[in-house]
Amino acid sequence: MRTNQLAPRRPRPPPAARRGTALVVCIFVVSMTSVILVSMLEAETLRLTALRNASDYDRALYLAGAAAHEALAELETDPSWRTGVSASDFPSGSGGAYTASLADSAANTVVISADGSFGGVTRRLTVTVYLAR
């Protein structure tokens, strides 16, 4: 009786040109993933820096406005007041500060120069006020 059984074959080794292909593909994929992640992190860092700068810019403007309002309140109480607002840390411990100076101008007007600074940014507001006598 004849049996048709195939003998198990031994696998052939890959050709020399294909050896290490999987390793090269894997290294390429890991490299591309790393480049993409570094790009994303750099873009996010830039976005957060721009946000912080914009926030500091706005806070400095608000502090300059606070200095102008304080000077206007003092001027409303005493129209001859020209002392100015001394440097104040506001709010206390925040790193933000404001000052204001006053100068007489022509025809019953007073010019208020108010500065606000926060996080290395300084903004200046100039307000001209007419005093009715």
N, C-alpha and C. Protein backbone atom coordinates (compact mmCIF):
# COMPACT_ATOMS: atom_id res chain seq x y z
N MET A 1 0.81 -1.15 0.00
CA MET A 1 0.00 0.00 0.00
C MET A 1 0.88 1.25 0.00
N ARG A 2 0.39 2.12 -0.70
CA ARG A 2 1.16 3.33 -0.89
C ARG A 2 0.56 4.49 -0.10
N THR A 3 1.36 5.15 0.68
CA THR A 3 0.87 6.31 1.43
C THR A 3 1.49 7.57 0.86
N ASN A 4 0.64 8.51 0.69
CA ASN A 4 1.09 9.81 0.16
C ASN A 4 1.21 10.83 1.28
N GLN A 5 2.17 10.72 2.01
CA GLN A 5 2.42 11.70 3.05
C GLN A 5 3.64 12.52 2.66
N LEU A 6 3.47 13.78 2.86
CA LEU A 6 4.58 14.67 2.55
C LEU A 6 5.46 14.81 3.77
N ALA A 7 6.70 14.79 3.50
CA ALA A 7 7.63 14.99 4.60
C ALA A 7 7.63 16.48 4.97
N PRO A 8 7.74 16.79 6.25
CA PRO A 8 7.75 18.20 6.65
C PRO A 8 8.95 18.92 6.05
N ARG A 9 8.69 20.08 5.56
CA ARG A 9 9.75 20.87 4.95
C ARG A 9 10.40 21.76 5.98
N ARG A 10 11.63 21.94 5.80
CA ARG A 10 12.33 22.89 6.64
C ARG A 10 12.21 24.26 5.98
N PRO A 11 11.94 25.33 6.76
CA PRO A 11 11.80 26.65 6.14
C PRO A 11 13.14 27.12 5.57
N ARG A 12 13.02 27.81 4.47
CA ARG A 12 14.22 28.33 3.84
C ARG A 12 14.63 29.63 4.53
N PRO A 13 15.87 29.87 4.67
CA PRO A 13 16.30 31.15 5.22
C PRO A 13 16.00 32.25 4.21
N PRO A 14 15.69 33.47 4.70
CA PRO A 14 15.37 34.56 3.77
C PRO A 14 16.61 34.91 2.93
N PRO A 15 16.35 35.48 1.77
CA PRO A 15 17.49 35.88 0.95
C PRO A 15 18.31 36.95 1.66
N ALA A 16 19.53 37.05 1.31
CA ALA A 16 20.44 37.98 1.97
C ALA A 16 19.98 39.43 1.83
N ALA A 17 19.29 39.79 0.77
CA ALA A 17 18.85 41.16 0.54
C ALA A 17 17.73 41.57 1.50
N ARG A 18 16.98 40.63 2.04
CA ARG A 18 15.84 40.96 2.89
C ARG A 18 16.17 40.90 4.37
N ARG A 19 17.34 40.47 4.70
CA ARG A 19 17.68 40.35 6.12
C ARG A 19 17.75 41.73 6.76
N GLY A 20 17.11 41.91 7.91
CA GLY A 20 17.16 43.17 8.65
C GLY A 20 16.16 44.21 8.19
N THR A 21 15.29 43.87 7.25
CA THR A 21 14.31 44.84 6.75
C THR A 21 13.35 45.26 7.85
N ALA A 22 12.91 44.34 8.66
CA ALA A 22 11.97 44.66 9.73
C ALA A 22 12.59 45.63 10.73
N LEU A 23 13.87 45.44 11.03
CA LEU A 23 14.54 46.33 11.96
C LEU A 23 14.64 47.74 11.39
N VAL A 24 14.96 47.87 10.12
CA VAL A 24 15.06 49.18 9.48
C VAL A 24 13.70 49.87 9.46
N VAL A 25 12.65 49.15 9.13
CA VAL A 25 11.30 49.72 9.12
C VAL A 25 10.90 50.16 10.53
N CYS A 26 11.21 49.35 11.52
CA CYS A 26 10.88 49.69 12.91
C CYS A 26 11.63 50.94 13.35
N ILE A 27 12.89 51.06 13.04
CA ILE A 27 13.68 52.25 13.40
C ILE A 27 13.12 53.48 12.69
N PHE A 28 12.72 53.35 11.44
CA PHE A 28 12.13 54.45 10.69
C PHE A 28 10.83 54.93 11.34
N VAL A 29 9.97 54.00 11.70
CA VAL A 29 8.69 54.35 12.32
C VAL A 29 8.92 55.04 13.67
N VAL A 30 9.83 54.53 14.47
CA VAL A 30 10.12 55.16 15.76
C VAL A 30 10.70 56.55 15.56
N SER A 31 11.57 56.72 14.58
CA SER A 31 12.16 58.04 14.30
C SER A 31 11.10 59.04 13.87
N MET A 32 10.22 58.64 12.97
CA MET A 32 9.16 59.54 12.51
C MET A 32 8.21 59.91 13.64
N THR A 33 7.88 58.95 14.50
CA THR A 33 7.01 59.22 15.65
C THR A 33 7.69 60.22 16.59
N SER A 34 8.98 60.05 16.80
CA SER A 34 9.72 60.98 17.67
C SER A 34 9.74 62.38 17.09
N VAL A 35 9.95 62.50 15.79
CA VAL A 35 9.96 63.82 15.14
C VAL A 35 8.60 64.49 15.28
N ILE A 36 7.55 63.76 15.08
CA ILE A 36 6.19 64.31 15.19
C ILE A 36 5.92 64.77 16.62
N LEU A 37 6.30 63.97 17.60
CA LEU A 37 6.06 64.34 19.00
C LEU A 37 6.87 65.57 19.41
N VAL A 38 8.11 65.65 18.98
CA VAL A 38 8.93 66.82 19.31
C VAL A 38 8.33 68.07 18.66
N SER A 39 7.84 67.96 17.44
CA SER A 39 7.21 69.10 16.77
C SER A 39 5.96 69.56 17.51
N MET A 40 5.17 68.60 17.96
CA MET A 40 3.95 68.94 18.69
C MET A 40 4.30 69.63 20.02
N LEU A 41 5.29 69.14 20.72
CA LEU A 41 5.67 69.74 22.00
C LEU A 41 6.23 71.15 21.80
N GLU A 42 7.01 71.34 20.75
CA GLU A 42 7.56 72.66 20.47
C GLU A 42 6.45 73.65 20.12
N ALA A 43 5.47 73.22 19.35
CA ALA A 43 4.35 74.09 18.99
C ALA A 43 3.52 74.45 20.23
N GLU A 44 3.33 73.49 21.11
CA GLU A 44 2.56 73.75 22.33
C GLU A 44 3.31 74.72 23.25
N THR A 45 4.62 74.57 23.35
CA THR A 45 5.43 75.47 24.16
C THR A 45 5.34 76.89 23.62
N LEU A 46 5.41 77.03 22.31
CA LEU A 46 5.29 78.35 21.69
C LEU A 46 3.93 78.97 21.94
N ARG A 47 2.88 78.16 21.86
CA ARG A 47 1.53 78.66 22.11
C ARG A 47 1.37 79.14 23.55
N LEU A 48 1.92 78.38 24.50
CA LEU A 48 1.82 78.78 25.90
C LEU A 48 2.63 80.04 26.20
N THR A 49 3.77 80.19 25.55
CA THR A 49 4.57 81.40 25.72
C THR A 49 3.82 82.62 25.19
N ALA A 50 3.20 82.47 24.03
CA ALA A 50 2.41 83.58 23.46
C ALA A 50 1.24 83.93 24.37
N LEU A 51 0.61 82.93 24.95
CA LEU A 51 -0.51 83.17 25.86
C LEU A 51 -0.05 83.92 27.11
N ARG A 52 1.11 83.54 27.66
CA ARG A 52 1.63 84.21 28.84
C ARG A 52 2.00 85.66 28.52
N ASN A 53 2.60 85.89 27.37
CA ASN A 53 2.96 87.26 26.98
C ASN A 53 1.71 88.13 26.81
N ALA A 54 0.68 87.58 26.18
CA ALA A 54 -0.56 88.33 26.00
C ALA A 54 -1.21 88.64 27.34
N SER A 55 -1.16 87.68 28.26
CA SER A 55 -1.73 87.88 29.58
C SER A 55 -0.97 88.97 30.35
N ASP A 56 0.36 88.93 30.29
CA ASP A 56 1.17 89.97 30.95
C ASP A 56 0.90 91.35 30.34
N TYR A 57 0.74 91.40 29.03
CA TYR A 57 0.46 92.65 28.33
C TYR A 57 -0.87 93.25 28.81
N ASP A 58 -1.90 92.40 28.92
CA ASP A 58 -3.20 92.87 29.39
C ASP A 58 -3.16 93.29 30.85
N ARG A 59 -2.48 92.51 31.69
CA ARG A 59 -2.40 92.87 33.12
C ARG A 59 -1.70 94.20 33.31
N ALA A 60 -0.64 94.44 32.53
CA ALA A 60 0.06 95.73 32.64
C ALA A 60 -0.87 96.87 32.24
N LEU A 61 -1.69 96.66 31.23
CA LEU A 61 -2.66 97.68 30.82
C LEU A 61 -3.69 97.93 31.93
N TYR A 62 -4.19 96.87 32.55
CA TYR A 62 -5.16 97.03 33.63
C TYR A 62 -4.54 97.76 34.82
N LEU A 63 -3.28 97.48 35.11
CA LEU A 63 -2.62 98.18 36.21
C LEU A 63 -2.42 99.66 35.89
N ALA A 64 -2.09 99.97 34.65
CA ALA A 64 -1.97 101.38 34.26
C ALA A 64 -3.33 102.07 34.40
N GLY A 65 -4.39 101.38 34.04
CA GLY A 65 -5.74 101.93 34.22
C GLY A 65 -6.06 102.15 35.68
N ALA A 66 -5.63 101.23 36.55
CA ALA A 66 -5.86 101.39 37.99
C ALA A 66 -5.12 102.62 38.52
N ALA A 67 -3.91 102.85 38.03
CA ALA A 67 -3.15 104.03 38.46
C ALA A 67 -3.85 105.30 38.00
N ALA A 68 -4.35 105.32 36.77
CA ALA A 68 -5.07 106.49 36.26
C ALA A 68 -6.34 106.73 37.08
N HIS A 69 -7.06 105.68 37.43
CA HIS A 69 -8.28 105.83 38.23
C HIS A 69 -7.97 106.34 39.63
N GLU A 70 -6.89 105.83 40.21
CA GLU A 70 -6.52 106.33 41.55
C GLU A 70 -6.16 107.81 41.49
N ALA A 71 -5.42 108.22 40.46
CA ALA A 71 -5.07 109.63 40.31
C ALA A 71 -6.31 110.48 40.07
N LEU A 72 -7.24 109.98 39.27
CA LEU A 72 -8.48 110.73 39.03
C LEU A 72 -9.30 110.87 40.31
N ALA A 73 -9.33 109.83 41.13
CA ALA A 73 -10.08 109.91 42.40
C ALA A 73 -9.45 110.95 43.32
N GLU A 74 -8.12 110.96 43.39
CA GLU A 74 -7.45 111.97 44.23
C GLU A 74 -7.68 113.38 43.66
N LEU A 75 -7.64 113.50 42.36
CA LEU A 75 -7.84 114.80 41.71
C LEU A 75 -9.26 115.30 41.90
N GLU A 76 -10.20 114.39 41.93
CA GLU A 76 -11.60 114.77 42.17
C GLU A 76 -11.77 115.28 43.59
N THR A 77 -11.08 114.67 44.53
CA THR A 77 -11.16 115.11 45.93
C THR A 77 -10.48 116.45 46.12
N ASP A 78 -9.29 116.62 45.52
CA ASP A 78 -8.52 117.86 45.67
C ASP A 78 -7.98 118.26 44.30
N PRO A 79 -8.62 119.23 43.62
CA PRO A 79 -8.19 119.62 42.28
C PRO A 79 -6.77 120.20 42.21
N SER A 80 -6.21 120.61 43.34
CA SER A 80 -4.84 121.14 43.32
C SER A 80 -3.79 120.04 43.56
N TRP A 81 -4.21 118.82 43.74
CA TRP A 81 -3.30 117.70 44.03
C TRP A 81 -2.47 117.36 42.80
N ARG A 82 -1.15 117.33 42.95
CA ARG A 82 -0.25 116.98 41.85
C ARG A 82 0.86 116.04 42.30
N THR A 83 0.68 115.45 43.46
CA THR A 83 1.72 114.60 44.05
C THR A 83 1.99 113.37 43.19
N GLY A 84 0.97 112.79 42.63
CA GLY A 84 1.12 111.56 41.85
C GLY A 84 0.91 110.33 42.72
N VAL A 85 0.83 109.21 42.07
CA VAL A 85 0.63 107.94 42.77
C VAL A 85 1.99 107.26 42.84
N SER A 86 2.43 106.97 44.06
CA SER A 86 3.73 106.31 44.22
C SER A 86 3.64 104.86 43.79
N ALA A 87 4.78 104.26 43.53
CA ALA A 87 4.83 102.87 43.07
C ALA A 87 4.13 101.96 44.08
N SER A 88 3.18 101.21 43.60
CA SER A 88 2.42 100.31 44.45
C SER A 88 2.45 98.91 43.88
N ASP A 89 2.65 97.93 44.74
CA ASP A 89 2.58 96.52 44.34
C ASP A 89 1.12 96.11 44.46
N PHE A 90 0.50 95.82 43.33
CA PHE A 90 -0.94 95.53 43.36
C PHE A 90 -1.27 94.38 42.45
N PRO A 91 -2.03 93.41 42.90
CA PRO A 91 -2.30 93.09 44.28
C PRO A 91 -1.01 92.67 44.98
N SER A 92 -1.02 92.78 46.27
CA SER A 92 0.18 92.56 47.06
C SER A 92 0.78 91.17 46.78
N GLY A 93 2.06 91.16 46.43
CA GLY A 93 2.76 89.91 46.17
C GLY A 93 2.59 89.36 44.78
N SER A 94 1.89 90.06 43.89
CA SER A 94 1.64 89.53 42.55
C SER A 94 2.75 89.83 41.56
N GLY A 95 3.60 90.80 41.89
CA GLY A 95 4.64 91.20 40.95
C GLY A 95 4.20 92.31 40.01
N GLY A 96 2.95 92.72 40.11
CA GLY A 96 2.44 93.82 39.30
C GLY A 96 2.53 95.13 40.07
N ALA A 97 2.85 96.21 39.37
CA ALA A 97 2.97 97.50 40.05
C ALA A 97 2.45 98.60 39.15
N TYR A 98 2.07 99.72 39.77
CA TYR A 98 1.64 100.87 38.98
C TYR A 98 2.08 102.16 39.64
N THR A 99 2.23 103.19 38.81
CA THR A 99 2.56 104.54 39.27
C THR A 99 1.81 105.53 38.37
N ALA A 100 1.68 106.75 38.86
CA ALA A 100 1.07 107.81 38.05
C ALA A 100 1.71 109.14 38.41
N SER A 101 1.87 109.97 37.41
CA SER A 101 2.38 111.32 37.64
C SER A 101 1.43 112.31 36.97
N LEU A 102 1.35 113.50 37.54
CA LEU A 102 0.45 114.52 37.03
C LEU A 102 1.25 115.76 36.66
N ALA A 103 0.80 116.44 35.62
CA ALA A 103 1.45 117.68 35.20
C ALA A 103 0.38 118.63 34.69
N ASP A 104 0.53 119.90 35.05
CA ASP A 104 -0.39 120.91 34.54
C ASP A 104 -0.13 121.15 33.06
N SER A 105 -1.21 121.40 32.35
CA SER A 105 -1.11 121.72 30.94
C SER A 105 -1.87 123.01 30.71
N ALA A 106 -2.05 123.38 29.49
CA ALA A 106 -2.70 124.65 29.17
C ALA A 106 -4.20 124.60 29.45
N ALA A 107 -4.74 125.76 29.76
CA ALA A 107 -6.20 125.99 29.87
C ALA A 107 -6.90 125.02 30.82
N ASN A 108 -6.49 125.03 32.09
CA ASN A 108 -7.15 124.24 33.13
C ASN A 108 -7.17 122.74 32.84
N THR A 109 -6.14 122.23 32.27
CA THR A 109 -6.07 120.78 32.02
C THR A 109 -4.90 120.19 32.79
N VAL A 110 -5.05 118.94 33.15
CA VAL A 110 -4.01 118.18 33.84
C VAL A 110 -3.77 116.92 33.02
N VAL A 111 -2.50 116.61 32.80
CA VAL A 111 -2.14 115.40 32.08
C VAL A 111 -1.67 114.36 33.09
N ILE A 112 -2.34 113.21 33.07
CA ILE A 112 -1.98 112.10 33.96
C ILE A 112 -1.26 111.05 33.12
N SER A 113 -0.04 110.70 33.52
CA SER A 113 0.70 109.62 32.88
C SER A 113 0.74 108.45 33.84
N ALA A 114 0.06 107.39 33.49
CA ALA A 114 -0.04 106.23 34.37
C ALA A 114 0.71 105.05 33.74
N ASP A 115 1.56 104.42 34.55
CA ASP A 115 2.33 103.25 34.10
C ASP A 115 1.91 102.03 34.90
N GLY A 116 1.78 100.93 34.20
CA GLY A 116 1.52 99.65 34.85
C GLY A 116 2.53 98.64 34.33
N SER A 117 3.06 97.82 35.22
CA SER A 117 4.02 96.81 34.77
C SER A 117 3.71 95.47 35.42
N PHE A 118 3.86 94.43 34.61
CA PHE A 118 3.62 93.08 35.08
C PHE A 118 4.45 92.13 34.23
N GLY A 119 5.22 91.28 34.88
CA GLY A 119 5.97 90.24 34.17
C GLY A 119 6.94 90.77 33.13
N GLY A 120 7.55 91.90 33.37
CA GLY A 120 8.50 92.45 32.41
C GLY A 120 7.88 93.30 31.32
N VAL A 121 6.57 93.46 31.34
CA VAL A 121 5.87 94.29 30.35
C VAL A 121 5.41 95.57 31.04
N THR A 122 5.65 96.70 30.40
CA THR A 122 5.20 97.99 30.94
C THR A 122 4.29 98.66 29.93
N ARG A 123 3.14 99.14 30.40
CA ARG A 123 2.20 99.87 29.55
C ARG A 123 1.99 101.25 30.14
N ARG A 124 1.77 102.22 29.27
CA ARG A 124 1.55 103.60 29.71
C ARG A 124 0.24 104.11 29.14
N LEU A 125 -0.54 104.74 30.01
CA LEU A 125 -1.76 105.44 29.61
C LEU A 125 -1.55 106.92 29.89
N THR A 126 -1.97 107.74 28.96
CA THR A 126 -1.91 109.19 29.16
C THR A 126 -3.34 109.71 29.09
N VAL A 127 -3.75 110.37 30.15
CA VAL A 127 -5.12 110.88 30.26
C VAL A 127 -5.03 112.40 30.43
N THR A 128 -5.80 113.12 29.64
CA THR A 128 -5.88 114.58 29.79
C THR A 128 -7.24 114.92 30.39
N VAL A 129 -7.22 115.65 31.48
CA VAL A 129 -8.44 115.96 32.22
C VAL A 129 -8.63 117.47 32.22
N TYR A 130 -9.83 117.90 31.91
CA TYR A 130 -10.18 119.32 31.97
C TYR A 130 -10.79 119.58 33.35
N LEU A 131 -10.24 120.57 34.05
CA LEU A 131 -10.76 120.91 35.38
C LEU A 131 -11.64 122.15 35.27
N ALA A 132 -12.90 122.00 35.58
CA ALA A 132 -13.82 123.14 35.58
C ALA A 132 -13.61 123.89 36.89
N ARG A 133 -13.33 125.16 36.81
CA ARG A 133 -13.08 125.93 38.04
C ARG A 133 -14.21 126.85 38.33
